[in-house]
Amino acid sequence: QVRLVESGGGSAQPGGSLRLSCSVSGSNFSIRNMGWYRQDPGKQRELVAIIRPGGSISSADSVKGRFTISRDNAEDTCFLQMNSLKPEDTAVYYCYVQEWHQLYGVDYWGKGTLVTVSA
């Protein structure tokens, strides 16, 4: 069974930094896309950043220049370095991975880690 373990959430002041990690275990297939989404209470889950196996990245305009996504393919681990944090970055952050089954992908989500940015 595929398991995603997130770590690194917590509290930071505006302008501060946090680093999220997501480790994948239990997969018998290749991991394709990895990334992070976030959700505020009462709002839809939104994309933060996705990184593909070759390293190409898609990210939200609101985090460009501040957040950096990376991955370790050998360890099936994804990271999100968050700098210059703003109060509006406060949300539950969910790790996302896509397991590739030759012709189709299966999506998995972590349980979420809370990031709170306040003075």
PDB file of N, CA and C in Angstrom:
ATOM      1  N   GLN A   1       0.842  -1.188   0.000  1.00  0.00           N
ATOM      2  CA  GLN A   1       0.000   0.000   0.000  1.00  0.00           C
ATOM      3  C   GLN A   1       0.885   1.249   0.000  1.00  0.00           C
ATOM      4  N   VAL A   2       0.555   2.176  -0.866  1.00  0.00           N
ATOM      5  CA  VAL A   2       1.349   3.398  -0.964  1.00  0.00           C
ATOM      6  C   VAL A   2       1.090   4.286   0.247  1.00  0.00           C
ATOM      7  N   ARG A   3       2.162   4.792   0.801  1.00  0.00           N
ATOM      8  CA  ARG A   3       2.054   5.650   1.974  1.00  0.00           C
ATOM      9  C   ARG A   3       2.870   6.912   1.732  1.00  0.00           C
ATOM     10  N   LEU A   4       2.266   8.064   2.027  1.00  0.00           N
ATOM     11  CA  LEU A   4       2.954   9.346   1.924  1.00  0.00           C
ATOM     12  C   LEU A   4       3.118   9.919   3.324  1.00  0.00           C
ATOM     13  N   VAL A   5       4.327  10.244   3.681  1.00  0.00           N
ATOM     14  CA  VAL A   5       4.584  10.822   4.996  1.00  0.00           C
ATOM     15  C   VAL A   5       5.125  12.226   4.805  1.00  0.00           C
ATOM     16  N   GLU A   6       4.368  13.193   5.297  1.00  0.00           N
ATOM     17  CA  GLU A   6       4.754  14.600   5.192  1.00  0.00           C
ATOM     18  C   GLU A   6       5.396  15.057   6.491  1.00  0.00           C
ATOM     19  N   SER A   7       6.320  15.980   6.375  1.00  0.00           N
ATOM     20  CA  SER A   7       6.923  16.567   7.563  1.00  0.00           C
ATOM     21  C   SER A   7       7.357  17.989   7.247  1.00  0.00           C
ATOM     22  N   GLY A   8       7.589  18.757   8.295  1.00  0.00           N
ATOM     23  CA  GLY A   8       8.140  20.095   8.122  1.00  0.00           C
ATOM     24  C   GLY A   8       7.158  21.232   8.285  1.00  0.00           C
ATOM     25  N   GLY A   9       5.900  20.949   8.466  1.00  0.00           N
ATOM     26  CA  GLY A   9       4.950  22.027   8.685  1.00  0.00           C
ATOM     27  C   GLY A   9       5.160  22.665  10.049  1.00  0.00           C
ATOM     28  N   GLY A  10       4.425  23.748  10.280  1.00  0.00           N
ATOM     29  CA  GLY A  10       4.542  24.417  11.560  1.00  0.00           C
ATOM     30  C   GLY A  10       4.237  25.885  11.417  1.00  0.00           C
ATOM     31  N   SER A  11       4.820  26.675  12.306  1.00  0.00           N
ATOM     32  CA  SER A  11       4.551  28.113  12.328  1.00  0.00           C
ATOM     33  C   SER A  11       5.785  28.896  11.928  1.00  0.00           C
ATOM     34  N   ALA A  12       5.547  30.017  11.287  1.00  0.00           N
ATOM     35  CA  ALA A  12       6.635  30.917  10.908  1.00  0.00           C
ATOM     36  C   ALA A  12       6.098  32.338  10.906  1.00  0.00           C
ATOM     37  N   GLN A  13       6.996  33.258  11.066  1.00  0.00           N
ATOM     38  CA  GLN A  13       6.628  34.668  10.981  1.00  0.00           C
ATOM     39  C   GLN A  13       6.654  35.111   9.519  1.00  0.00           C
ATOM     40  N   PRO A  14       5.943  36.162   9.182  1.00  0.00           N
ATOM     41  CA  PRO A  14       6.038  36.696   7.823  1.00  0.00           C
ATOM     42  C   PRO A  14       7.483  36.991   7.467  1.00  0.00           C
ATOM     43  N   GLY A  15       7.852  36.559   6.267  1.00  0.00           N
ATOM     44  CA  GLY A  15       9.236  36.710   5.840  1.00  0.00           C
ATOM     45  C   GLY A  15      10.114  35.526   6.177  1.00  0.00           C
ATOM     46  N   GLY A  16       9.578  34.620   6.983  1.00  0.00           N
ATOM     47  CA  GLY A  16      10.355  33.462   7.394  1.00  0.00           C
ATOM     48  C   GLY A  16      10.319  32.336   6.382  1.00  0.00           C
ATOM     49  N   SER A  17      10.871  31.194   6.780  1.00  0.00           N
ATOM     50  CA  SER A  17      11.004  30.043   5.881  1.00  0.00           C
ATOM     51  C   SER A  17      10.585  28.765   6.579  1.00  0.00           C
ATOM     52  N   LEU A  18      10.088  27.848   5.784  1.00  0.00           N
ATOM     53  CA  LEU A  18       9.813  26.490   6.222  1.00  0.00           C
ATOM     54  C   LEU A  18      10.136  25.556   5.062  1.00  0.00           C
ATOM     55  N   ARG A  19      10.434  24.316   5.395  1.00  0.00           N
ATOM     56  CA  ARG A  19      10.729  23.318   4.364  1.00  0.00           C
ATOM     57  C   ARG A  19       9.872  22.099   4.617  1.00  0.00           C
ATOM     58  N   LEU A  20       9.098  21.737   3.615  1.00  0.00           N
ATOM     59  CA  LEU A  20       8.248  20.554   3.708  1.00  0.00           C
ATOM     60  C   LEU A  20       8.906  19.391   2.980  1.00  0.00           C
ATOM     61  N   SER A  21       8.701  18.197   3.521  1.00  0.00           N
ATOM     62  CA  SER A  21       9.195  16.982   2.890  1.00  0.00           C
ATOM     63  C   SER A  21       8.058  15.982   2.765  1.00  0.00           C
ATOM     64  N   CYS A  22       8.113  15.186   1.724  1.00  0.00           N
ATOM     65  CA  CYS A  22       7.121  14.137   1.522  1.00  0.00           C
ATOM     66  C   CYS A  22       7.850  12.889   1.047  1.00  0.00           C
ATOM     67  N   SER A  23       7.761  11.851   1.837  1.00  0.00           N
ATOM     68  CA  SER A  23       8.434  10.600   1.508  1.00  0.00           C
ATOM     69  C   SER A  23       7.397   9.556   1.117  1.00  0.00           C
ATOM     70  N   VAL A  24       7.634   8.875   0.001  1.00  0.00           N
ATOM     71  CA  VAL A  24       6.716   7.873  -0.514  1.00  0.00           C
ATOM     72  C   VAL A  24       7.281   6.482  -0.249  1.00  0.00           C
ATOM     73  N   SER A  25       6.443   5.602   0.257  1.00  0.00           N
ATOM     74  CA  SER A  25       6.862   4.222   0.460  1.00  0.00           C
ATOM     75  C   SER A  25       5.742   3.289   0.028  1.00  0.00           C
ATOM     76  N   GLY A  26       6.105   2.038  -0.228  1.00  0.00           N
ATOM     77  CA  GLY A  26       5.108   1.018  -0.543  1.00  0.00           C
ATOM     78  C   GLY A  26       4.678   0.957  -1.987  1.00  0.00           C
ATOM     79  N   SER A  27       5.313   1.730  -2.867  1.00  0.00           N
ATOM     80  CA  SER A  27       4.911   1.711  -4.265  1.00  0.00           C
ATOM     81  C   SER A  27       5.662   0.650  -5.040  1.00  0.00           C
ATOM     82  N   ASN A  28       4.951  -0.074  -5.890  1.00  0.00           N
ATOM     83  CA  ASN A  28       5.562  -1.079  -6.755  1.00  0.00           C
ATOM     84  C   ASN A  28       5.668  -0.590  -8.195  1.00  0.00           C
ATOM     85  N   PHE A  29       5.337   0.670  -8.421  1.00  0.00           N
ATOM     86  CA  PHE A  29       5.407   1.259  -9.749  1.00  0.00           C
ATOM     87  C   PHE A  29       6.244   2.535  -9.692  1.00  0.00           C
ATOM     88  N   SER A  30       6.553   3.080 -10.839  1.00  0.00           N
ATOM     89  CA  SER A  30       7.347   4.308 -10.863  1.00  0.00           C
ATOM     90  C   SER A  30       6.481   5.483 -10.434  1.00  0.00           C
ATOM     91  N   ILE A  31       7.112   6.416  -9.743  1.00  0.00           N
ATOM     92  CA  ILE A  31       6.429   7.634  -9.330  1.00  0.00           C
ATOM     93  C   ILE A  31       6.624   8.676 -10.406  1.00  0.00           C
ATOM     94  N   ARG A  32       5.519   9.183 -10.928  1.00  0.00           N
ATOM     95  CA  ARG A  32       5.612  10.149 -12.016  1.00  0.00           C
ATOM     96  C   ARG A  32       5.666  11.566 -11.451  1.00  0.00           C
ATOM     97  N   ASN A  33       4.538  12.205 -11.355  1.00  0.00           N
ATOM     98  CA  ASN A  33       4.520  13.578 -10.843  1.00  0.00           C
ATOM     99  C   ASN A  33       4.486  13.602  -9.320  1.00  0.00           C
ATOM    100  N   MET A  34       5.160  14.581  -8.744  1.00  0.00           N
ATOM    101  CA  MET A  34       5.121  14.790  -7.299  1.00  0.00           C
ATOM    102  C   MET A  34       4.860  16.274  -7.070  1.00  0.00           C
ATOM    103  N   GLY A  35       4.198  16.575  -5.992  1.00  0.00           N
ATOM    104  CA  GLY A  35       3.957  17.993  -5.771  1.00  0.00           C
ATOM    105  C   GLY A  35       3.215  18.294  -4.496  1.00  0.00           C
ATOM    106  N   TRP A  36       2.785  19.537  -4.429  1.00  0.00           N
ATOM    107  CA  TRP A  36       2.112  20.039  -3.240  1.00  0.00           C
ATOM    108  C   TRP A  36       0.886  20.856  -3.636  1.00  0.00           C
ATOM    109  N   TYR A  37      -0.180  20.643  -2.900  1.00  0.00           N
ATOM    110  CA  TYR A  37      -1.376  21.453  -2.984  1.00  0.00           C
ATOM    111  C   TYR A  37      -1.623  22.027  -1.593  1.00  0.00           C
ATOM    112  N   ARG A  38      -2.457  23.043  -1.520  1.00  0.00           N
ATOM    113  CA  ARG A  38      -2.815  23.592  -0.215  1.00  0.00           C
ATOM    114  C   ARG A  38      -4.294  23.943  -0.190  1.00  0.00           C
ATOM    115  N   GLN A  39      -4.808  23.987   1.029  1.00  0.00           N
ATOM    116  CA  GLN A  39      -6.231  24.269   1.190  1.00  0.00           C
ATOM    117  C   GLN A  39      -6.481  25.060   2.454  1.00  0.00           C
ATOM    118  N   ASP A  40      -7.183  26.178   2.276  1.00  0.00           N
ATOM    119  CA  ASP A  40      -7.672  26.958   3.398  1.00  0.00           C
ATOM    120  C   ASP A  40      -9.070  26.437   3.738  1.00  0.00           C
ATOM    121  N   PRO A  41      -9.467  26.519   4.998  1.00  0.00           N
ATOM    122  CA  PRO A  41     -10.831  26.123   5.342  1.00  0.00           C
ATOM    123  C   PRO A  41     -11.851  26.907   4.525  1.00  0.00           C
ATOM    124  N   GLY A  42     -12.809  26.230   3.947  1.00  0.00           N
ATOM    125  CA  GLY A  42     -13.847  26.902   3.175  1.00  0.00           C
ATOM    126  C   GLY A  42     -13.463  27.219   1.751  1.00  0.00           C
ATOM    127  N   LYS A  43     -12.234  26.851   1.369  1.00  0.00           N
ATOM    128  CA  LYS A  43     -11.792  27.118   0.001  1.00  0.00           C
ATOM    129  C   LYS A  43     -11.427  25.819  -0.691  1.00  0.00           C
ATOM    130  N   GLN A  44     -11.315  25.898  -2.009  1.00  0.00           N
ATOM    131  CA  GLN A  44     -10.919  24.724  -2.768  1.00  0.00           C
ATOM    132  C   GLN A  44      -9.429  24.468  -2.629  1.00  0.00           C
ATOM    133  N   ARG A  45      -9.068  23.200  -2.758  1.00  0.00           N
ATOM    134  CA  ARG A  45      -7.648  22.865  -2.749  1.00  0.00           C
ATOM    135  C   ARG A  45      -7.021  23.442  -4.014  1.00  0.00           C
ATOM    136  N   GLU A  46      -5.854  24.046  -3.859  1.00  0.00           N
ATOM    137  CA  GLU A  46      -5.206  24.674  -5.006  1.00  0.00           C
ATOM    138  C   GLU A  46      -3.776  24.166  -5.178  1.00  0.00           C
ATOM    139  N   LEU A  47      -3.335  24.172  -6.413  1.00  0.00           N
ATOM    140  CA  LEU A  47      -1.984  23.746  -6.716  1.00  0.00           C
ATOM    141  C   LEU A  47      -0.980  24.746  -6.165  1.00  0.00           C
ATOM    142  N   VAL A  48       0.055  24.225  -5.535  1.00  0.00           N
ATOM    143  CA  VAL A  48       1.198  25.049  -5.153  1.00  0.00           C
ATOM    144  C   VAL A  48       2.299  24.846  -6.192  1.00  0.00           C
ATOM    145  N   ALA A  49       2.731  23.607  -6.340  1.00  0.00           N
ATOM    146  CA  ALA A  49       3.774  23.301  -7.319  1.00  0.00           C
ATOM    147  C   ALA A  49       3.799  21.808  -7.599  1.00  0.00           C
ATOM    148  N   ILE A  50       4.127  21.482  -8.845  1.00  0.00           N
ATOM    149  CA  ILE A  50       4.275  20.100  -9.286  1.00  0.00           C
ATOM    150  C   ILE A  50       5.625  19.972  -9.974  1.00  0.00           C
ATOM    151  N   ILE A  51       6.309  18.863  -9.735  1.00  0.00           N
ATOM    152  CA  ILE A  51       7.568  18.603 -10.420  1.00  0.00           C
ATOM    153  C   ILE A  51       7.477  17.239 -11.092  1.00  0.00           C
ATOM    154  N   ARG A  52       7.857  17.190 -12.356  1.00  0.00           N
ATOM    155  CA  ARG A  52       7.767  15.970 -13.145  1.00  0.00           C
ATOM    156  C   ARG A  52       9.081  15.205 -13.073  1.00  0.00           C
ATOM    157  N   PRO A  53       9.120  13.953 -13.515  1.00  0.00           N
ATOM    158  CA  PRO A  53      10.346  13.155 -13.360  1.00  0.00           C
ATOM    159  C   PRO A  53      11.573  13.797 -13.999  1.00  0.00           C
ATOM    160  N   GLY A  54      11.400  14.486 -15.116  1.00  0.00           N
ATOM    161  CA  GLY A  54      12.538  15.109 -15.782  1.00  0.00           C
ATOM    162  C   GLY A  54      12.950  16.426 -15.165  1.00  0.00           C
ATOM    163  N   GLY A  55      12.167  16.901 -14.210  1.00  0.00           N
ATOM    164  CA  GLY A  55      12.513  18.130 -13.511  1.00  0.00           C
ATOM    165  C   GLY A  55      11.696  19.345 -13.895  1.00  0.00           C
ATOM    166  N   SER A  56      10.837  19.225 -14.909  1.00  0.00           N
ATOM    167  CA  SER A  56      10.024  20.396 -15.258  1.00  0.00           C
ATOM    168  C   SER A  56       9.015  20.672 -14.156  1.00  0.00           C
ATOM    169  N   ILE A  57       8.702  21.947 -13.982  1.00  0.00           N
ATOM    170  CA  ILE A  57       7.902  22.397 -12.848  1.00  0.00           C
ATOM    171  C   ILE A  57       6.738  23.267 -13.295  1.00  0.00           C
ATOM    172  N   SER A  58       5.625  23.083 -12.657  1.00  0.00           N
ATOM    173  CA  SER A  58       4.500  24.011 -12.772  1.00  0.00           C
ATOM    174  C   SER A  58       4.195  24.515 -11.372  1.00  0.00           C
ATOM    175  N   SER A  59       3.976  25.808 -11.233  1.00  0.00           N
ATOM    176  CA  SER A  59       3.702  26.344  -9.908  1.00  0.00           C
ATOM    177  C   SER A  59       2.709  27.502 -10.007  1.00  0.00           C
ATOM    178  N   ALA A  60       2.083  27.778  -8.888  1.00  0.00           N
ATOM    179  CA  ALA A  60       1.138  28.879  -8.822  1.00  0.00           C
ATOM    180  C   ALA A  60       1.876  30.208  -8.903  1.00  0.00           C
ATOM    181  N   ASP A  61       1.251  31.177  -9.552  1.00  0.00           N
ATOM    182  CA  ASP A  61       1.876  32.493  -9.663  1.00  0.00           C
ATOM    183  C   ASP A  61       2.159  33.099  -8.294  1.00  0.00           C
ATOM    184  N   SER A  62       1.306  32.791  -7.336  1.00  0.00           N
ATOM    185  CA  SER A  62       1.435  33.387  -6.012  1.00  0.00           C
ATOM    186  C   SER A  62       2.679  32.939  -5.256  1.00  0.00           C
ATOM    187  N   VAL A  63       3.297  31.848  -5.694  1.00  0.00           N
ATOM    188  CA  VAL A  63       4.475  31.344  -4.965  1.00  0.00           C
ATOM    189  C   VAL A  63       5.758  31.441  -5.778  1.00  0.00           C
ATOM    190  N   LYS A  64       5.641  31.828  -7.027  1.00  0.00           N
ATOM    191  CA  LYS A  64       6.837  31.912  -7.867  1.00  0.00           C
ATOM    192  C   LYS A  64       7.817  32.925  -7.301  1.00  0.00           C
ATOM    193  N   GLY A  65       9.068  32.533  -7.288  1.00  0.00           N
ATOM    194  CA  GLY A  65      10.106  33.392  -6.728  1.00  0.00           C
ATOM    195  C   GLY A  65      10.272  33.249  -5.232  1.00  0.00           C
ATOM    196  N   ARG A  66       9.358  32.538  -4.583  1.00  0.00           N
ATOM    197  CA  ARG A  66       9.433  32.352  -3.130  1.00  0.00           C
ATOM    198  C   ARG A  66       9.537  30.878  -2.740  1.00  0.00           C
ATOM    199  N   PHE A  67       8.822  30.030  -3.420  1.00  0.00           N
ATOM    200  CA  PHE A  67       8.816  28.601  -3.097  1.00  0.00           C
ATOM    201  C   PHE A  67       9.616  27.843  -4.168  1.00  0.00           C
ATOM    202  N   THR A  68      10.346  26.829  -3.721  1.00  0.00           N
ATOM    203  CA  THR A  68      11.110  25.986  -4.627  1.00  0.00           C
ATOM    204  C   THR A  68      10.767  24.529  -4.377  1.00  0.00           C
ATOM    205  N   ILE A  69      10.350  23.849  -5.428  1.00  0.00           N
ATOM    206  CA  ILE A  69      10.053  22.425  -5.308  1.00  0.00           C
ATOM    207  C   ILE A  69      11.211  21.625  -5.877  1.00  0.00           C
ATOM    208  N   SER A  70      11.502  20.497  -5.246  1.00  0.00           N
ATOM    209  CA  SER A  70      12.556  19.622  -5.737  1.00  0.00           C
ATOM    210  C   SER A  70      12.190  18.183  -5.391  1.00  0.00           C
ATOM    211  N   ARG A  71      12.911  17.255  -5.958  1.00  0.00           N
ATOM    212  CA  ARG A  71      12.638  15.852  -5.681  1.00  0.00           C
ATOM    213  C   ARG A  71      13.914  15.036  -5.735  1.00  0.00           C
ATOM    214  N   ASP A  72      13.885  13.948  -5.010  1.00  0.00           N
ATOM    215  CA  ASP A  72      14.957  12.966  -5.035  1.00  0.00           C
ATOM    216  C   ASP A  72      14.339  11.695  -5.604  1.00  0.00           C
ATOM    217  N   ASN A  73      14.586  11.436  -6.873  1.00  0.00           N
ATOM    218  CA  ASN A  73      13.948  10.289  -7.522  1.00  0.00           C
ATOM    219  C   ASN A  73      14.397   8.959  -6.917  1.00  0.00           C
ATOM    220  N   ALA A  74      15.634   8.898  -6.492  1.00  0.00           N
ATOM    221  CA  ALA A  74      16.142   7.651  -5.919  1.00  0.00           C
ATOM    222  C   ALA A  74      15.430   7.310  -4.609  1.00  0.00           C
ATOM    223  N   GLU A  75      15.038   8.339  -3.878  1.00  0.00           N
ATOM    224  CA  GLU A  75      14.395   8.123  -2.578  1.00  0.00           C
ATOM    225  C   GLU A  75      12.887   8.344  -2.630  1.00  0.00           C
ATOM    226  N   ASP A  76      12.345   8.665  -3.804  1.00  0.00           N
ATOM    227  CA  ASP A  76      10.909   8.966  -3.927  1.00  0.00           C
ATOM    228  C   ASP A  76      10.483   9.983  -2.874  1.00  0.00           C
ATOM    229  N   THR A  77      11.212  11.068  -2.815  1.00  0.00           N
ATOM    230  CA  THR A  77      10.940  12.119  -1.843  1.00  0.00           C
ATOM    231  C   THR A  77      10.822  13.451  -2.559  1.00  0.00           C
ATOM    232  N   CYS A  78       9.889  14.246  -2.094  1.00  0.00           N
ATOM    233  CA  CYS A  78       9.650  15.565  -2.672  1.00  0.00           C
ATOM    234  C   CYS A  78       9.806  16.615  -1.577  1.00  0.00           C
ATOM    235  N   PHE A  79      10.348  17.766  -1.948  1.00  0.00           N
ATOM    236  CA  PHE A  79      10.584  18.829  -0.988  1.00  0.00           C
ATOM    237  C   PHE A  79       9.934  20.131  -1.481  1.00  0.00           C
ATOM    238  N   LEU A  80       9.540  20.955  -0.543  1.00  0.00           N
ATOM    239  CA  LEU A  80       9.057  22.288  -0.863  1.00  0.00           C
ATOM    240  C   LEU A  80       9.731  23.276   0.078  1.00  0.00           C
ATOM    241  N   GLN A  81      10.661  24.040  -0.459  1.00  0.00           N
ATOM    242  CA  GLN A  81      11.313  25.094   0.316  1.00  0.00           C
ATOM    243  C   GLN A  81      10.488  26.360   0.178  1.00  0.00           C
ATOM    244  N   MET A  82      10.008  26.849   1.286  1.00  0.00           N
ATOM    245  CA  MET A  82       9.136  28.018   1.285  1.00  0.00           C
ATOM    246  C   MET A  82       9.852  29.181   1.959  1.00  0.00           C
ATOM    247  N   ASN A  83      10.167  30.196   1.201  1.00  0.00           N
ATOM    248  CA  ASN A  83      10.831  31.395   1.707  1.00  0.00           C
ATOM    249  C   ASN A  83       9.901  32.595   1.582  1.00  0.00           C
ATOM    250  N   SER A  84      10.265  33.643   2.266  1.00  0.00           N
ATOM    251  CA  SER A  84       9.477  34.885   2.228  1.00  0.00           C
ATOM    252  C   SER A  84       7.997  34.605   2.448  1.00  0.00           C
ATOM    253  N   LEU A  85       7.735  33.850   3.469  1.00  0.00           N
ATOM    254  CA  LEU A  85       6.361  33.442   3.733  1.00  0.00           C
ATOM    255  C   LEU A  85       5.469  34.632   4.048  1.00  0.00           C
ATOM    256  N   LYS A  86       4.226  34.513   3.628  1.00  0.00           N
ATOM    257  CA  LYS A  86       3.225  35.551   3.854  1.00  0.00           C
ATOM    258  C   LYS A  86       2.054  34.954   4.636  1.00  0.00           C
ATOM    259  N   PRO A  87       1.309  35.780   5.336  1.00  0.00           N
ATOM    260  CA  PRO A  87       0.139  35.259   6.060  1.00  0.00           C
ATOM    261  C   PRO A  87      -0.826  34.506   5.140  1.00  0.00           C
ATOM    262  N   GLU A  88      -0.927  34.923   3.900  1.00  0.00           N
ATOM    263  CA  GLU A  88      -1.839  34.239   2.976  1.00  0.00           C
ATOM    264  C   GLU A  88      -1.334  32.865   2.548  1.00  0.00           C
ATOM    265  N   ASP A  89      -0.130  32.504   2.949  1.00  0.00           N
ATOM    266  CA  ASP A  89       0.361  31.148   2.698  1.00  0.00           C
ATOM    267  C   ASP A  89      -0.162  30.165   3.743  1.00  0.00           C
ATOM    268  N   THR A  90      -0.808  30.687   4.770  1.00  0.00           N
ATOM    269  CA  THR A  90      -1.358  29.815   5.803  1.00  0.00           C
ATOM    270  C   THR A  90      -2.397  28.876   5.213  1.00  0.00           C
ATOM    271  N   ALA A  91      -2.194  27.579   5.415  1.00  0.00           N
ATOM    272  CA  ALA A  91      -3.087  26.566   4.866  1.00  0.00           C
ATOM    273  C   ALA A  91      -2.601  25.190   5.305  1.00  0.00           C
ATOM    274  N   VAL A  92      -3.408  24.192   5.023  1.00  0.00           N
ATOM    275  CA  VAL A  92      -2.953  22.814   5.145  1.00  0.00           C
ATOM    276  C   VAL A  92      -2.334  22.432   3.801  1.00  0.00           C
ATOM    277  N   TYR A  93      -1.123  21.951   3.836  1.00  0.00           N
ATOM    278  CA  TYR A  93      -0.399  21.585   2.624  1.00  0.00           C
ATOM    279  C   TYR A  93      -0.433  20.066   2.468  1.00  0.00           C
ATOM    280  N   TYR A  94      -0.836  19.640   1.277  1.00  0.00           N
ATOM    281  CA  TYR A  94      -0.976  18.217   0.985  1.00  0.00           C
ATOM    282  C   TYR A  94       0.049  17.787  -0.056  1.00  0.00           C
ATOM    283  N   CYS A  95       0.732  16.719   0.247  1.00  0.00           N
ATOM    284  CA  CYS A  95       1.634  16.114  -0.722  1.00  0.00           C
ATOM    285  C   CYS A  95       0.801  15.309  -1.720  1.00  0.00           C
ATOM    286  N   TYR A  96       1.223  15.340  -2.956  1.00  0.00           N
ATOM    287  CA  TYR A  96       0.539  14.620  -4.034  1.00  0.00           C
ATOM    288  C   TYR A  96       1.580  13.851  -4.847  1.00  0.00           C
ATOM    289  N   VAL A  97       1.286  12.603  -5.153  1.00  0.00           N
ATOM    290  CA  VAL A  97       2.140  11.846  -6.065  1.00  0.00           C
ATOM    291  C   VAL A  97       1.264  11.080  -7.046  1.00  0.00           C
ATOM    292  N   GLN A  98       1.799  10.869  -8.208  1.00  0.00           N
ATOM    293  CA  GLN A  98       1.119  10.064  -9.215  1.00  0.00           C
ATOM    294  C   GLN A  98       1.973   8.841  -9.512  1.00  0.00           C
ATOM    295  N   GLU A  99       1.408   7.689  -9.272  1.00  0.00           N
ATOM    296  CA  GLU A  99       2.070   6.426  -9.550  1.00  0.00           C
ATOM    297  C   GLU A  99       1.690   6.018 -10.966  1.00  0.00           C
ATOM    298  N   TRP A 100       2.695   5.664 -11.763  1.00  0.00           N
ATOM    299  CA  TRP A 100       2.417   5.390 -13.165  1.00  0.00           C
ATOM    300  C   TRP A 100       2.332   3.892 -13.419  1.00  0.00           C
ATOM    301  N   HIS A 101       1.183   3.447 -13.989  1.00  0.00           N
ATOM    302  CA  HIS A 101       0.914   2.042 -14.245  1.00  0.00           C
ATOM    303  C   HIS A 101       0.938   1.769 -15.747  1.00  0.00           C
ATOM    304  N   GLN A 102       1.976   2.116 -16.427  1.00  0.00           N
ATOM    305  CA  GLN A 102       2.202   1.921 -17.861  1.00  0.00           C
ATOM    306  C   GLN A 102       1.263   2.748 -18.733  1.00  0.00           C
ATOM    307  N   LEU A 103      -0.035   2.593 -18.552  1.00  0.00           N
ATOM    308  CA  LEU A 103      -0.980   3.307 -19.405  1.00  0.00           C
ATOM    309  C   LEU A 103      -1.813   4.338 -18.657  1.00  0.00           C
ATOM    310  N   TYR A 104      -1.749   4.320 -17.364  1.00  0.00           N
ATOM    311  CA  TYR A 104      -2.552   5.267 -16.594  1.00  0.00           C
ATOM    312  C   TYR A 104      -1.868   5.550 -15.269  1.00  0.00           C
ATOM    313  N   GLY A 105      -2.299   6.670 -14.662  1.00  0.00           N
ATOM    314  CA  GLY A 105      -1.727   7.052 -13.385  1.00  0.00           C
ATOM    315  C   GLY A 105      -2.725   6.890 -12.252  1.00  0.00           C
ATOM    316  N   VAL A 106      -2.211   6.655 -11.079  1.00  0.00           N
ATOM    317  CA  VAL A 106      -3.024   6.566  -9.867  1.00  0.00           C
ATOM    318  C   VAL A 106      -2.526   7.644  -8.915  1.00  0.00           C
ATOM    319  N   ASP A 107      -3.436   8.475  -8.457  1.00  0.00           N
ATOM    320  CA  ASP A 107      -3.060   9.595  -7.597  1.00  0.00           C
ATOM    321  C   ASP A 107      -3.157   9.229  -6.123  1.00  0.00           C
ATOM    322  N   TYR A 108      -2.209   9.717  -5.357  1.00  0.00           N
ATOM    323  CA  TYR A 108      -2.212   9.529  -3.911  1.00  0.00           C
ATOM    324  C   TYR A 108      -1.988  10.868  -3.228  1.00  0.00           C
ATOM    325  N   TRP A 109      -2.581  10.989  -2.048  1.00  0.00           N
ATOM    326  CA  TRP A 109      -2.487  12.226  -1.276  1.00  0.00           C
ATOM    327  C   TRP A 109      -2.004  11.928   0.133  1.00  0.00           C
ATOM    328  N   GLY A 110      -1.205  12.845   0.659  1.00  0.00           N
ATOM    329  CA  GLY A 110      -0.836  12.760   2.057  1.00  0.00           C
ATOM    330  C   GLY A 110      -1.968  13.276   2.933  1.00  0.00           C
ATOM    331  N   LYS A 111      -1.792  13.147   4.235  1.00  0.00           N
ATOM    332  CA  LYS A 111      -2.832  13.563   5.169  1.00  0.00           C
ATOM    333  C   LYS A 111      -2.846  15.068   5.390  1.00  0.00           C
ATOM    334  N   GLY A 112      -1.782  15.726   4.996  1.00  0.00           N
ATOM    335  CA  GLY A 112      -1.710  17.175   5.130  1.00  0.00           C
ATOM    336  C   GLY A 112      -0.900  17.614   6.326  1.00  0.00           C
ATOM    337  N   THR A 113      -0.230  18.734   6.160  1.00  0.00           N
ATOM    338  CA  THR A 113       0.538  19.328   7.254  1.00  0.00           C
ATOM    339  C   THR A 113       0.215  20.820   7.299  1.00  0.00           C
ATOM    340  N   LEU A 114      -0.057  21.314   8.497  1.00  0.00           N
ATOM    341  CA  LEU A 114      -0.503  22.697   8.652  1.00  0.00           C
ATOM    342  C   LEU A 114       0.677  23.647   8.655  1.00  0.00           C
ATOM    343  N   VAL A 115       0.564  24.690   7.847  1.00  0.00           N
ATOM    344  CA  VAL A 115       1.529  25.781   7.834  1.00  0.00           C
ATOM    345  C   VAL A 115       0.797  27.046   8.266  1.00  0.00           C
ATOM    346  N   THR A 116       1.316  27.691   9.301  1.00  0.00           N
ATOM    347  CA  THR A 116       0.708  28.915   9.822  1.00  0.00           C
ATOM    348  C   THR A 116       1.728  30.032   9.778  1.00  0.00           C
ATOM    349  N   VAL A 117       1.375  31.118   9.128  1.00  0.00           N
ATOM    350  CA  VAL A 117       2.269  32.267   9.019  1.00  0.00           C
ATOM    351  C   VAL A 117       1.596  33.464   9.689  1.00  0.00           C
ATOM    352  N   SER A 118       2.176  33.886  10.778  1.00  0.00           N
ATOM    353  CA  SER A 118       1.601  35.022  11.507  1.00  0.00           C
ATOM    354  C   SER A 118       2.691  35.707  12.312  1.00  0.00           C
ATOM    355  N   ALA A 119       2.459  36.983  12.619  1.00  0.00           N
ATOM    356  CA  ALA A 119       3.449  37.784  13.366  1.00  0.00           C
ATOM    357  C   ALA A 119       3.422  37.426  14.846  1.00  0.00           C
TER     358      ALA A 119
END
